[in-house]
Protein backbone atom coordinates (compact mmCIF):
# COMPACT_ATOMS: atom_id res chain seq x y z
CA MET A 1 35.29 192.41 71.16
CA ASN A 2 32.04 192.71 73.10
CA VAL A 3 32.37 195.46 75.73
CA ALA A 4 31.00 193.06 78.37
CA HIS A 5 33.85 190.63 77.80
CA VAL A 6 36.98 190.44 79.90
CA ALA A 7 40.42 188.93 79.31
CA ARG A 8 42.03 186.73 81.97
CA ASP A 9 45.72 185.90 81.68
CA ILE A 10 47.29 182.67 82.96
CA VAL A 11 50.94 181.68 83.36
CA LEU A 12 51.43 177.93 83.95
CA GLU A 13 54.46 176.73 85.87
CA PRO A 14 56.66 174.82 85.82
CA VAL A 15 57.31 175.18 82.11
CA ASP A 16 57.06 171.65 80.68
CA ASN A 17 56.48 171.26 76.95
CA GLY A 18 55.18 167.71 77.33
CA ARG A 19 52.58 168.73 79.88
CA LEU A 20 51.58 171.79 77.87
CA ALA A 21 51.08 169.63 74.76
CA ASN A 22 49.00 167.22 76.86
CA LEU A 23 46.91 170.14 78.11
CA CYS A 24 46.21 171.59 74.68
CA GLY A 25 45.63 168.26 72.92
CA GLN A 26 46.32 167.37 69.31
CA PHE A 27 45.73 170.45 67.14
CA ASP A 28 44.59 172.24 70.33
CA GLU A 29 41.46 170.06 70.47
CA HIS A 30 41.17 170.40 74.25
CA LEU A 31 41.31 174.19 74.08
CA ARG A 32 38.69 174.20 71.32
CA GLN A 33 36.50 171.97 73.48
CA ILE A 34 36.69 174.45 76.36
CA GLU A 35 35.96 177.35 73.98
CA SER A 36 32.89 175.62 72.56
CA ARG A 37 31.46 174.64 75.94
CA LEU A 38 31.97 178.04 77.61
CA ASP A 39 31.63 180.32 74.55
CA VAL A 40 35.04 181.87 75.18
CA GLU A 41 38.19 182.45 73.14
CA ILE A 42 41.54 181.01 74.25
CA ALA A 43 44.90 182.17 72.95
CA SER A 44 48.10 180.38 73.94
CA ARG A 45 51.80 180.93 73.50
CA GLY A 46 54.14 178.61 75.37
CA ASN A 47 53.03 178.57 78.99
CA TYR A 48 51.05 181.82 78.62
CA PHE A 49 47.26 181.59 78.09
CA ARG A 50 44.57 184.24 77.70
CA VAL A 51 40.86 183.48 78.11
CA ILE A 52 38.40 186.03 76.68
CA GLY A 53 34.66 185.96 77.36
CA ASN A 54 31.99 187.14 79.74
CA PRO A 55 33.35 187.40 83.31
CA GLY A 56 31.74 184.20 84.63
CA ALA A 57 32.74 182.04 81.65
CA ALA A 58 36.28 183.46 81.55
CA LYS A 59 36.72 182.67 85.24
CA ILE A 60 35.52 179.10 84.75
CA GLY A 61 37.83 178.78 81.75
CA THR A 62 40.90 179.78 83.76
CA ASP A 63 39.89 177.41 86.55
CA VAL A 64 39.57 174.53 84.09
CA ILE A 65 42.94 175.25 82.50
CA PHE A 66 44.67 175.36 85.87
CA SER A 67 43.00 172.12 86.95
CA LEU A 68 43.78 170.31 83.72
CA PHE A 69 47.41 171.42 83.82
CA ASN A 70 47.81 169.92 87.28
CA ILE A 71 46.23 166.69 86.07
CA THR A 72 48.76 166.46 83.21
CA ASP A 73 51.40 165.71 85.82
CA LYS A 74 49.64 162.39 86.49
CA GLU A 75 47.68 161.31 83.43
CA ARG A 76 47.10 161.69 79.71
CA LEU A 77 44.13 163.94 78.94
CA ASP A 78 41.40 163.01 76.49
CA PRO A 79 38.15 164.76 75.48
CA GLN A 80 36.13 162.84 78.07
CA ARG A 81 38.47 163.92 80.88
CA VAL A 82 38.26 167.54 79.69
CA HIS A 83 34.47 167.30 79.54
CA VAL A 84 34.22 166.02 83.12
CA CYS A 85 36.53 168.76 84.42
CA LEU A 86 34.44 171.36 82.60
CA GLU A 87 31.19 170.03 84.05
CA GLU A 88 32.62 169.98 87.56
CA SER A 89 33.72 173.61 87.31
CA ILE A 90 30.33 174.64 85.92
CA MET A 91 28.59 172.83 88.81
CA ASN A 92 30.73 174.79 91.26
CA GLN A 93 29.92 178.20 89.78
CA SER A 94 27.08 178.74 92.26
CA GLY A 95 29.74 179.07 94.97
CA PRO A 96 33.17 180.69 94.98
CA LEU A 97 35.32 179.25 92.22
CA LYS A 98 38.75 178.07 93.26
CA LEU A 99 41.19 179.82 90.97
CA GLY A 100 44.58 178.22 90.86
CA GLY A 101 46.00 174.76 90.34
CA VAL A 102 46.86 173.80 93.90
CA SER A 103 43.42 174.40 95.38
CA SER A 104 41.65 172.65 92.48
CA ILE A 105 43.77 169.52 92.78
CA LYS A 106 43.38 169.44 96.55
CA ASN A 107 39.64 169.66 96.06
CA GLU A 108 39.66 166.65 93.72
CA GLU A 109 41.83 164.45 95.93
CA GLU A 110 39.68 165.25 98.94
CA PHE A 111 36.65 163.62 97.27
CA SER A 112 38.13 160.69 95.38
CA ILE A 113 38.36 156.91 95.70
CA GLN A 114 41.37 154.94 94.50
CA THR A 115 40.19 151.66 92.98
CA PRO A 116 42.64 149.03 91.68
CA LYS A 117 42.45 150.30 88.09
CA LYS A 118 41.56 153.99 88.35
CA LEU A 119 40.98 157.00 90.56
CA VAL A 120 37.25 157.77 90.79
CA ARG A 121 36.52 161.43 91.53
CA ALA A 122 33.38 163.05 92.85
CA ARG A 123 32.11 165.83 90.58
CA GLY A 124 30.37 168.75 92.21
CA PRO A 125 28.75 169.23 95.61
CA ASN A 126 25.96 166.63 95.18
CA GLN A 127 28.38 163.82 94.33
CA ARG A 128 30.65 164.82 97.20
CA SER A 129 27.74 164.81 99.64
CA TYR A 130 26.68 161.42 98.24
CA LEU A 131 30.11 159.89 98.92
CA GLU A 132 30.18 161.33 102.43
CA ASN A 133 26.74 159.91 103.17
CA ILE A 134 27.74 156.48 101.87
CA GLN A 135 30.75 156.52 104.18
CA ASN A 136 28.83 157.73 107.24
CA SER A 137 25.34 156.21 106.93
CA ASP A 138 24.08 152.63 107.19
CA LEU A 139 21.66 153.21 104.30
CA THR A 140 21.99 155.82 101.55
CA PHE A 141 19.54 156.60 98.76
CA GLY A 142 20.90 158.13 95.54
CA ILE A 143 17.93 159.43 93.54
CA GLY A 144 18.22 161.22 90.23
CA LEU A 145 18.62 161.26 86.50
CA ALA A 146 20.68 159.10 84.18
CA GLY A 147 24.35 160.02 83.99
CA THR A 148 24.69 161.58 87.45
CA GLY A 149 27.09 158.89 88.75
CA LYS A 150 24.73 157.30 91.28
CA THR A 151 25.63 153.68 90.55
CA TYR A 152 29.24 154.26 89.54
CA LEU A 153 30.13 156.05 92.78
CA ALA A 154 28.29 153.45 94.83
CA VAL A 155 30.27 150.64 93.18
CA ALA A 156 33.52 152.56 93.77
CA SER A 157 32.59 152.98 97.44
CA ALA A 158 31.87 149.25 97.69
CA ILE A 159 35.25 148.34 96.21
CA ASP A 160 36.95 150.80 98.57
CA ALA A 161 35.20 149.27 101.61
CA LEU A 162 36.26 145.78 100.47
CA GLU A 163 39.87 146.85 99.91
CA LYS A 164 39.98 148.39 103.40
CA GLU A 165 38.43 145.22 104.89
CA GLN A 166 35.45 147.17 106.22
CA VAL A 167 33.21 144.48 104.66
CA SER A 168 33.87 140.89 103.64
CA HIS A 169 31.86 140.86 100.42
CA ILE A 170 29.90 142.96 97.92
CA VAL A 171 26.37 142.23 96.77
CA LEU A 172 25.08 144.08 93.70
CA VAL A 173 21.36 143.72 93.03
CA ARG A 174 18.96 144.82 90.28
CA PRO A 175 15.27 144.17 89.66
CA ALA A 176 14.80 142.24 86.40
CA VAL A 177 11.99 144.46 85.09
CA GLU A 178 12.88 147.04 82.44
CA ALA A 179 11.21 148.76 79.50
CA GLY A 180 8.07 146.67 79.85
CA GLU A 181 9.80 143.36 79.04
CA ARG A 182 9.66 140.22 81.18
CA LEU A 183 12.20 137.45 81.68
CA GLY A 184 9.88 134.83 80.21
CA PHE A 185 10.08 136.48 76.79
CA LEU A 186 13.88 136.32 76.69
CA PRO A 187 15.69 133.33 75.14
CA GLY A 188 18.07 131.05 77.07
CA ASP A 189 18.39 129.64 80.56
CA MET A 190 17.96 131.70 83.76
CA SER A 191 21.58 132.94 83.75
CA GLN A 192 21.27 134.10 80.14
CA LYS A 193 17.93 135.75 80.91
CA VAL A 194 19.15 137.86 83.83
CA ASP A 195 22.65 138.77 82.58
CA PRO A 196 21.46 141.64 80.33
CA TYR A 197 19.80 143.28 83.35
CA LEU A 198 22.98 143.04 85.40
CA ARG A 199 25.40 144.12 82.65
CA PRO A 200 25.72 147.77 83.83
CA MET A 201 26.90 146.50 87.22
CA TYR A 202 29.51 144.28 85.57
CA ASP A 203 30.66 147.19 83.39
CA ALA A 204 31.36 149.36 86.45
CA LEU A 205 33.26 146.52 88.14
CA PHE A 206 35.33 145.78 85.03
CA ASP A 207 36.20 149.48 84.71
CA MET A 208 37.51 149.73 88.29
CA VAL A 209 38.87 146.26 89.04
CA GLY A 210 39.40 144.50 85.71
CA ALA A 211 37.50 141.61 84.13
CA ASN A 212 39.89 138.85 85.25
CA GLN A 213 39.96 139.98 88.88
CA VAL A 214 36.17 140.41 88.94
CA SER A 215 35.76 136.85 87.64
CA ARG A 216 38.04 135.51 90.39
CA LEU A 217 36.18 137.45 93.10
CA ILE A 218 32.82 136.21 91.80
CA GLU A 219 34.11 132.62 91.84
CA LYS A 220 35.12 133.08 95.49
CA ASN A 221 31.72 134.67 96.30
CA VAL A 222 33.48 137.87 97.39
CA ILE A 223 31.42 139.71 94.77
CA GLU A 224 27.88 138.63 94.01
CA VAL A 225 25.78 140.13 91.22
CA ALA A 226 22.19 138.93 91.32
CA PRO A 227 18.59 139.84 90.43
CA LEU A 228 16.50 141.15 93.30
CA ALA A 229 14.25 138.06 93.38
CA PHE A 230 17.23 136.00 94.56
CA MET A 231 17.52 138.05 97.78
CA ARG A 232 14.34 136.71 99.41
CA GLY A 233 15.00 134.80 102.63
CA ARG A 234 18.61 135.93 102.96
CA SER A 235 20.33 137.98 105.66
CA LEU A 236 23.29 140.00 104.41
CA ASN A 237 25.87 140.48 107.19
CA ASP A 238 29.25 142.21 106.85
CA ALA A 239 28.40 143.20 103.29
CA PHE A 240 28.26 146.25 101.08
CA VAL A 241 24.93 145.94 99.28
CA ILE A 242 23.79 148.04 96.32
CA LEU A 243 20.27 147.98 94.89
CA ASP A 244 20.35 149.62 91.46
CA GLU A 245 17.37 150.75 89.33
CA ALA A 246 15.26 150.71 92.49
CA GLN A 247 12.46 152.66 90.81
CA ASN A 248 11.47 149.32 89.23
CA THR A 249 10.88 147.54 92.54
CA SER A 250 7.44 146.99 93.95
CA VAL A 251 6.66 148.18 97.47
CA ALA A 252 6.91 144.58 98.72
CA GLN A 253 10.26 144.05 96.96
CA MET A 254 11.73 147.22 98.44
CA LYS A 255 10.64 146.23 101.94
CA MET A 256 12.05 142.74 101.38
CA PHE A 257 15.40 144.16 100.25
CA LEU A 258 15.74 146.68 103.08
CA THR A 259 15.02 144.00 105.68
CA ARG A 260 17.87 141.85 104.28
CA ILE A 261 20.45 144.31 105.64
CA GLY A 262 22.37 142.61 108.45
CA PHE A 263 25.00 143.43 111.05
CA GLY A 264 28.13 145.19 109.86
CA SER A 265 26.58 145.97 106.48
CA ARG A 266 26.13 149.13 104.47
CA ALA A 267 23.52 149.58 101.76
CA VAL A 268 23.05 152.00 98.88
CA VAL A 269 19.81 152.25 96.89
CA THR A 270 19.90 154.07 93.54
CA GLY A 271 17.14 154.93 91.12
CA ASP A 272 15.49 157.44 88.82
CA ILE A 273 11.81 158.04 89.58
CA THR A 274 11.35 159.61 86.12
CA GLN A 275 12.04 156.24 84.43
CA ILE A 276 9.69 153.75 86.08
CA ASP A 277 8.94 150.65 83.96
CA LEU A 278 6.47 148.94 86.29
CA PRO A 279 2.98 148.07 85.04
CA ALA A 280 0.57 151.02 85.00
CA GLY A 281 -0.96 151.64 88.39
CA GLN A 282 1.69 149.79 90.40
CA MET A 283 3.41 151.89 93.06
CA SER A 284 7.20 152.14 92.80
CA GLY A 285 8.97 150.80 95.87
CA LEU A 286 11.47 153.65 95.60
CA LYS A 287 8.78 156.34 95.64
CA ASN A 288 7.12 154.63 98.59
CA ALA A 289 10.43 154.37 100.49
CA ILE A 290 11.13 158.08 99.99
CA HIS A 291 7.73 158.87 101.50
CA ILE A 292 8.08 156.47 104.45
CA LEU A 293 11.79 156.67 105.33
CA THR A 294 12.67 160.36 104.94
CA GLY A 295 13.80 161.58 108.34
CA VAL A 296 14.56 158.11 109.76
CA LYS A 297 17.85 158.12 111.72
CA GLY A 298 20.73 156.37 109.96
CA ILE A 299 19.25 156.86 106.48
CA ALA A 300 20.58 159.53 104.10
CA PHE A 301 18.94 160.80 100.90
CA ASN A 302 20.77 162.44 97.98
CA TYR A 303 18.86 163.99 95.07
CA PHE A 304 20.60 164.66 91.75
CA THR A 305 19.51 167.16 89.09
CA PRO A 306 20.38 167.76 85.40
CA ILE A 307 23.33 169.94 86.45
CA ASP A 308 24.93 166.80 87.97
CA VAL A 309 24.94 164.88 84.67
CA VAL A 310 28.56 164.13 83.80
CA ARG A 311 28.06 162.23 80.55
CA HIS A 312 28.26 163.78 77.09
CA GLN A 313 26.82 167.30 76.98
CA LEU A 314 24.10 166.07 74.62
CA VAL A 315 22.86 163.72 77.39
CA LYS A 316 22.40 166.68 79.71
CA ARG A 317 20.43 168.59 77.07
CA ILE A 318 18.24 165.53 76.39
CA VAL A 319 17.53 165.07 80.11
CA GLU A 320 16.66 168.75 80.50
CA ALA A 321 14.37 168.65 77.44
CA TYR A 322 12.44 165.67 78.78
CA GLN A 323 12.21 167.24 82.22
CA THR A 324 10.86 170.47 80.72
CA ASN A 325 8.37 168.94 78.30
CA GLY A 326 7.46 165.65 79.98
CA ASP A 327 8.05 162.17 78.54
CA GLY A 328 4.55 161.65 77.24
CA GLU A 329 3.91 158.74 79.61
CA GLY A 330 2.87 158.42 83.22
CA ASP A 331 4.93 156.75 85.94
């Protein structure tokens, strides 16, 4: 064993064979996943675990095992759940790591939203700050890379506000300009043309509320999913409004959207300024808004980085590679 390595021992209680099997996964796949991600070795016997690796990785490994064991009391683990718990613990390594099940679970519950179908948890300090800003600010910007949870957490916050009767309806908006394509080139009527642009919003709603319930709420106009062009001339009162993919708005469209916000409403604007699909030379409304609105009272800005990516580990490496080497195209 490398002389720089340390061994950290863990005893999990209460002893529960079902929960321990859930923690380890079939053929110990969850333990192997932790080993691979952290470059550590994990030995287990009953409720006794030993994590061997460099001091930082071993400490993260014990933290993850404690956290996952507490989660087994409430849910069935799968590789995705293990991955998210790993990424959260790695995000937290810049500060003091919480070692022990009780503190880790308390930390998760403190920054979570219970939607009808699932509990949505904030991962890491940036996501936690983002949720707090959404709750406390009239207008919040979530700016950052793909996979950082910007839209998903905003939709969860909207559902939570609706459930608590803080707003009477939800409006989810996207610009219908992506990857250089225009609506006129797509087949079908207007509804069929815009649906592909709005699909990610529907996916988040279905995941948290369920397809049947979402359909009923849309029929009652409690939830509205629409392209940005449909917002002109409206005033959105008592609503939770989300503008997604805001990097693809023009300056005029962004100003139009922001001036739709009415009394009793909250708004969240999300976007990734590294993936702008506007025609060359056209200023992004999101970039312009950052420049103009930073420091304005009542508006909060959250910036996400590659460390906040909570999708598959390969996604994080892809994002980091593009950020390091450039994407070969201008904004």
